């Protein structure tokens, strides 16, 4: 069976030219994205009608111990609200990441490339009620996430290499994802799992999350199967604290975050999981050699 990977239609070539010309611009109006005005701006080159575009934000990440999480959880619960999507106080996240044959997304991240991006498909609590195609960009210290919904059939088509439907979606993100899939031969690389406890604070549009039980699958398997073979990524007793904010980080949040042993990190979960998989593979090859 011939998949969409084997050819690029004229329509895709035309859109690829337009896409490249738009994304070559270096002077972006950050104030527009901080204000959220870009959410339905088709002419900006960043979104389509049905995609959700979040404002450009700051993102900080810390490796912290379980004991620090205990302390911070007690502080947060007194002053912050849990995300309304949390069941109890948490939810489970599974993300399927894509990269090209050169590993550009991975290499750009490890090299600290000023402008970079990556694509992923994300589900929550192993349910197909919400399936999101997401593109995460980073420009210097700022990040931006654009997302759009997929059906389970659309997800299965993507995993089977049948991408043409993306061009028919009234959604710029889907069309750009199609162009990346066929022109750069993006493909699934790894599935990343973790549990998340999410807190929000409306002033400064702050989001604080504890991510734990970070695991990765040994291969890109069934997105909805919890029994897929996986391996632990973080050291025992370690979690990830993420701090995201749009306009400013209020002093009250800065005070809440003060802990003694936290370590700020730049590596993403995607990179952590790939490096762990590489390490496991290297040790296995060494023991078998």
Protein backbone atom coordinates (compact mmCIF):
# COMPACT_ATOMS: atom_id res chain seq x y z
CA UNK A 1 0.00 0.00 0.00
CA UNK A 2 1.33 3.43 -0.95
CA UNK A 3 1.16 5.97 1.88
CA UNK A 4 1.33 9.76 1.77
CA UNK A 5 5.01 9.47 2.68
CA UNK A 6 5.76 8.30 -0.86
CA UNK A 7 4.70 11.46 -2.69
CA UNK A 8 4.06 15.16 -2.11
CA UNK A 9 1.05 16.47 -4.08
CA UNK A 10 1.22 19.84 -5.82
CA UNK A 11 -1.01 21.33 -3.17
CA UNK A 12 1.47 20.37 -0.45
CA UNK A 13 4.35 21.84 -2.45
CA UNK A 14 2.47 25.12 -2.78
CA UNK A 15 1.70 25.25 0.93
CA UNK A 16 5.26 24.34 1.81
CA UNK A 17 6.53 27.38 -0.14
CA UNK A 18 4.07 29.64 1.64
CA UNK A 19 4.95 28.09 5.00
CA UNK A 20 8.68 28.61 4.52
CA UNK A 21 8.27 32.22 3.45
CA UNK A 22 6.15 32.98 6.51
CA UNK A 23 8.34 31.29 9.09
CA UNK A 24 11.51 32.90 7.76
CA UNK A 25 10.43 36.17 9.34
CA UNK A 26 12.52 36.91 12.41
CA UNK A 27 10.84 40.02 13.82
CA UNK A 28 7.74 38.73 15.62
CA UNK A 29 5.42 40.99 17.59
CA UNK A 30 5.58 39.32 21.01
CA UNK A 31 3.12 41.79 22.57
CA UNK A 32 0.43 40.43 20.27
CA UNK A 33 0.92 36.90 21.55
CA UNK A 34 1.18 37.88 25.19
CA UNK A 35 -2.22 39.54 24.85
CA UNK A 36 -3.71 36.46 23.20
CA UNK A 37 -4.84 38.41 20.13
CA UNK A 38 -3.33 35.80 17.81
CA UNK A 39 -5.81 33.06 18.70
CA UNK A 40 -7.88 33.46 15.54
CA UNK A 41 -5.52 35.45 13.33
CA UNK A 42 -5.21 33.44 10.11
CA UNK A 43 -2.97 36.10 8.55
CA UNK A 44 -0.35 35.86 11.28
CA UNK A 45 1.04 32.60 9.90
CA UNK A 46 0.70 30.85 13.24
CA UNK A 47 -2.82 29.42 13.38
CA UNK A 48 -5.93 28.36 11.55
CA UNK A 49 -9.57 28.86 12.44
CA UNK A 50 -9.99 25.78 14.62
CA UNK A 51 -6.60 25.65 16.33
CA UNK A 52 -6.05 26.94 19.85
CA UNK A 53 -3.01 29.19 20.06
CA UNK A 54 -1.78 30.05 23.51
CA UNK A 55 0.13 33.26 24.20
CA UNK A 56 3.92 33.17 24.31
CA UNK A 57 4.97 32.19 27.82
CA UNK A 58 7.94 31.68 30.10
CA UNK A 59 8.67 28.12 31.24
CA UNK A 60 10.94 27.04 34.08
CA UNK A 61 11.65 23.42 35.05
CA UNK A 62 13.13 22.00 38.25
CA UNK A 63 14.11 18.55 39.44
CA UNK A 64 12.86 18.26 43.01
CA UNK A 65 12.66 15.55 45.65
CA UNK A 66 9.49 13.91 46.94
CA UNK A 67 10.01 15.67 50.27
CA UNK A 68 10.12 19.05 48.51
CA UNK A 69 6.95 18.16 46.64
CA UNK A 70 5.27 17.42 49.95
CA UNK A 71 6.21 20.85 51.29
CA UNK A 72 5.23 22.71 48.12
CA UNK A 73 1.97 20.81 47.80
CA UNK A 74 0.94 21.97 51.25
CA UNK A 75 1.80 25.57 50.34
CA UNK A 76 0.06 25.48 46.96
CA UNK A 77 -3.13 23.91 48.29
CA UNK A 78 -3.61 26.85 50.65
CA UNK A 79 -3.42 29.61 48.02
CA UNK A 80 -3.81 28.10 44.54
CA UNK A 81 -6.58 26.29 42.69
CA UNK A 82 -6.33 22.87 41.12
CA UNK A 83 -6.87 22.73 37.37
CA UNK A 84 -10.55 22.01 36.74
CA UNK A 85 -9.61 19.10 34.44
CA UNK A 86 -7.91 17.18 37.26
CA UNK A 87 -9.69 14.09 38.55
CA UNK A 88 -9.16 14.12 42.28
CA UNK A 89 -5.96 16.15 42.17
CA UNK A 90 -4.23 14.76 39.08
CA UNK A 91 -4.49 13.38 35.57
CA UNK A 92 -2.43 11.00 33.45
CA UNK A 93 -0.72 12.28 30.27
CA UNK A 94 0.54 10.24 27.35
CA UNK A 95 2.34 12.00 24.49
CA UNK A 96 3.57 10.57 21.20
CA UNK A 97 6.48 12.64 19.85
CA UNK A 98 7.51 13.01 16.22
CA UNK A 99 10.92 13.75 14.74
CA UNK A 100 12.61 13.47 11.36
CA UNK A 101 15.28 10.97 10.31
CA UNK A 102 18.03 13.39 11.36
CA UNK A 103 16.59 13.83 14.85
CA UNK A 104 16.26 17.58 14.31
CA UNK A 105 13.90 18.21 17.24
CA UNK A 106 16.24 16.35 19.60
CA UNK A 107 19.42 17.92 18.22
CA UNK A 108 18.00 21.45 18.26
CA UNK A 109 17.01 21.02 21.89
CA UNK A 110 20.35 19.63 23.06
CA UNK A 111 22.24 22.29 21.06
CA UNK A 112 20.10 25.09 22.51
CA UNK A 113 19.01 26.33 19.07
CA UNK A 114 17.34 29.73 19.48
CA UNK A 115 14.26 28.87 17.41
CA UNK A 116 12.98 25.31 17.51
CA UNK A 117 9.76 23.34 17.45
CA UNK A 118 8.41 19.84 17.90
CA UNK A 119 5.14 18.03 17.23
CA UNK A 120 3.30 15.59 19.47
CA UNK A 121 -0.08 13.92 19.86
CA UNK A 122 -1.39 13.89 23.41
CA UNK A 123 -4.15 12.04 25.26
CA UNK A 124 -5.34 12.19 28.86
CA UNK A 125 -6.20 9.31 31.19
CA UNK A 126 -5.83 6.86 28.27
CA UNK A 127 -9.13 8.09 26.87
CA UNK A 128 -9.95 8.96 23.27
CA UNK A 129 -12.40 11.65 24.38
CA UNK A 130 -9.67 14.27 23.97
CA UNK A 131 -6.88 13.68 21.44
CA UNK A 132 -4.75 16.74 20.74
CA UNK A 133 -2.26 17.42 17.97
CA UNK A 134 0.18 19.96 19.36
CA UNK A 135 3.11 21.97 18.10
CA UNK A 136 5.38 23.49 20.72
CA UNK A 137 7.71 26.29 19.65
CA UNK A 138 10.51 27.93 21.54
CA UNK A 139 12.12 31.25 20.67
CA UNK A 140 14.80 32.20 23.16
CA UNK A 141 13.18 32.26 26.60
CA UNK A 142 9.64 32.10 25.26
CA UNK A 143 7.44 29.11 24.43
CA UNK A 144 4.15 28.82 22.58
CA UNK A 145 1.79 25.90 22.12
CA UNK A 146 -0.68 25.51 19.28
CA UNK A 147 -3.16 22.63 19.45
CA UNK A 148 -6.14 21.15 17.66
CA UNK A 149 -8.36 18.16 18.25
CA UNK A 150 -8.19 14.83 16.42
CA UNK A 151 -10.61 11.95 16.26
CA UNK A 152 -9.43 8.44 17.01
CA UNK A 153 -9.82 7.54 13.33
CA UNK A 154 -7.66 10.52 12.36
CA UNK A 155 -5.03 9.41 14.85
CA UNK A 156 -5.06 5.90 13.43
CA UNK A 157 -4.71 7.32 9.91
CA UNK A 158 -1.64 9.32 10.95
CA UNK A 159 -0.05 6.26 12.54
CA UNK A 160 -0.76 4.27 9.37
CA UNK A 161 0.94 6.91 7.19
CA UNK A 162 -2.31 8.19 5.65
CA UNK A 163 -2.05 11.96 6.00
CA UNK A 164 -4.17 13.40 3.17
CA UNK A 165 -7.13 14.20 5.41
CA UNK A 166 -4.98 16.80 7.18
CA UNK A 167 -5.09 18.99 4.06
CA UNK A 168 -8.88 18.97 4.15
CA UNK A 169 -9.11 20.15 7.74
CA UNK A 170 -10.03 23.83 8.09
CA UNK A 171 -7.04 24.21 10.32
CA UNK A 172 -3.61 25.64 9.56
CA UNK A 173 -1.86 23.48 12.16
CA UNK A 174 -3.09 20.29 10.45
CA UNK A 175 -1.96 21.52 7.06
CA UNK A 176 1.48 22.50 8.36
CA UNK A 177 1.81 19.16 10.15
CA UNK A 178 1.01 17.41 6.85
CA UNK A 179 3.74 19.39 5.08
CA UNK A 180 6.26 18.47 7.78
CA UNK A 181 5.24 14.80 7.65
CA UNK A 182 5.75 14.43 3.91
CA UNK A 183 8.59 16.89 3.28
CA UNK A 184 10.73 16.11 6.33
CA UNK A 185 9.46 12.56 6.80
CA UNK A 186 8.44 13.06 10.40
CA UNK A 187 7.63 9.82 12.16
CA UNK A 188 6.71 8.65 15.69
CA UNK A 189 9.79 8.42 17.90
CA UNK A 190 8.76 7.71 21.47
CA UNK A 191 5.76 7.69 23.82
CA UNK A 192 6.17 9.62 27.07
CA UNK A 193 3.96 8.96 30.11
CA UNK A 194 3.58 10.73 33.43
CA UNK A 195 1.11 11.73 36.12
CA UNK A 196 0.51 15.44 36.70
CA UNK A 197 -0.78 17.47 39.63
CA UNK A 198 -1.76 20.86 38.17
CA UNK A 199 -2.24 24.17 40.00
CA UNK A 200 -3.29 27.49 38.48
CA UNK A 201 -3.14 31.12 39.60
CA UNK A 202 -4.98 33.70 37.51
CA UNK A 203 -2.69 36.66 38.12
CA UNK A 204 0.12 36.45 35.60
CA UNK A 205 -1.63 33.42 34.06
CA UNK A 206 0.53 31.11 36.20
CA UNK A 207 0.49 27.33 35.95
CA UNK A 208 2.46 25.14 38.38
CA UNK A 209 2.63 21.39 37.87
CA UNK A 210 4.22 18.39 39.56
CA UNK A 211 5.05 15.63 37.06
CA UNK A 212 5.96 12.20 38.41
CA UNK A 213 6.12 8.54 37.38
CA UNK A 214 7.85 9.64 34.19
CA UNK A 215 8.10 6.64 31.86
CA UNK A 216 8.79 5.99 28.19
CA UNK A 217 7.81 3.11 25.98
CA UNK A 218 10.49 0.93 24.51
CA UNK A 219 8.72 1.30 21.16
CA UNK A 220 5.88 3.38 19.74
CA UNK A 221 2.99 1.06 20.49
CA UNK A 222 -0.70 1.38 21.28
CA UNK A 223 -1.51 4.87 22.55
CA UNK A 224 -4.40 3.55 24.64
CA UNK A 225 -2.74 0.51 26.21
CA UNK A 226 -1.32 1.05 29.70
CA UNK A 227 0.39 -2.34 29.51
CA UNK A 228 2.81 -1.26 26.76
CA UNK A 229 6.38 -2.14 27.87
CA UNK A 230 8.01 0.92 29.42
CA UNK A 231 10.93 2.01 31.56
CA UNK A 232 11.36 4.55 34.36
CA UNK A 233 13.23 7.72 33.45
CA UNK A 234 13.74 9.71 36.65
CA UNK A 235 15.76 8.61 39.64
CA UNK A 236 13.61 7.23 42.50
CA UNK A 237 12.23 9.97 44.73
CA UNK A 238 12.51 12.64 42.01
CA UNK A 239 9.80 14.68 40.31
CA UNK A 240 9.65 17.60 37.87
CA UNK A 241 8.21 20.96 38.84
CA UNK A 242 7.18 23.14 35.90
CA UNK A 243 6.46 26.84 36.29
CA UNK A 244 4.72 28.58 33.38
CA UNK A 245 3.58 32.18 33.27
CA UNK A 246 2.63 34.69 30.60
CA UNK A 247 3.09 38.27 31.71
CA UNK A 248 4.92 38.12 35.04
CA UNK A 249 5.55 35.81 37.99
CA UNK A 250 3.86 37.33 41.05
CA UNK A 251 5.97 37.75 44.19
CA UNK A 252 3.62 35.53 46.15
CA UNK A 253 4.38 32.66 43.75
CA UNK A 254 8.12 33.32 43.94
CA UNK A 255 7.89 33.08 47.73
CA UNK A 256 5.91 29.84 47.54
CA UNK A 257 8.53 28.28 45.29
CA UNK A 258 11.47 28.77 47.62
CA UNK A 259 13.01 25.40 48.43
CA UNK A 260 16.59 24.49 49.25
CA UNK A 261 17.49 21.54 47.05
CA UNK A 262 15.70 22.12 43.74
CA UNK A 263 17.78 21.96 40.56
CA UNK A 264 16.72 24.00 37.53
CA UNK A 265 17.00 22.02 34.30
CA UNK A 266 16.57 22.80 30.63
CA UNK A 267 16.05 19.27 29.33
CA UNK A 268 12.55 18.36 28.21
CA UNK A 269 10.81 15.11 29.09
CA UNK A 270 11.18 14.16 25.44
CA UNK A 271 14.96 14.52 25.66
CA UNK A 272 15.14 12.81 29.06
CA UNK A 273 13.25 9.79 27.73
CA UNK A 274 15.33 9.48 24.56
CA UNK A 275 18.58 9.78 26.50
CA UNK A 276 17.41 7.16 28.99
CA UNK A 277 16.45 4.81 26.16
CA UNK A 278 19.85 5.33 24.55
CA UNK A 279 21.58 4.63 27.86
CA UNK A 280 19.59 1.42 28.40
CA UNK A 281 20.34 0.28 24.85
CA UNK A 282 24.05 1.01 25.24
CA UNK A 283 24.30 -0.95 28.49
CA UNK A 284 22.39 -3.87 26.98
CA UNK A 285 24.68 -3.93 23.94
CA UNK A 286 27.72 -3.77 26.21
CA UNK A 287 26.55 -6.68 28.33
CA UNK A 288 25.80 -8.75 25.24
CA UNK A 289 29.10 -7.87 23.52
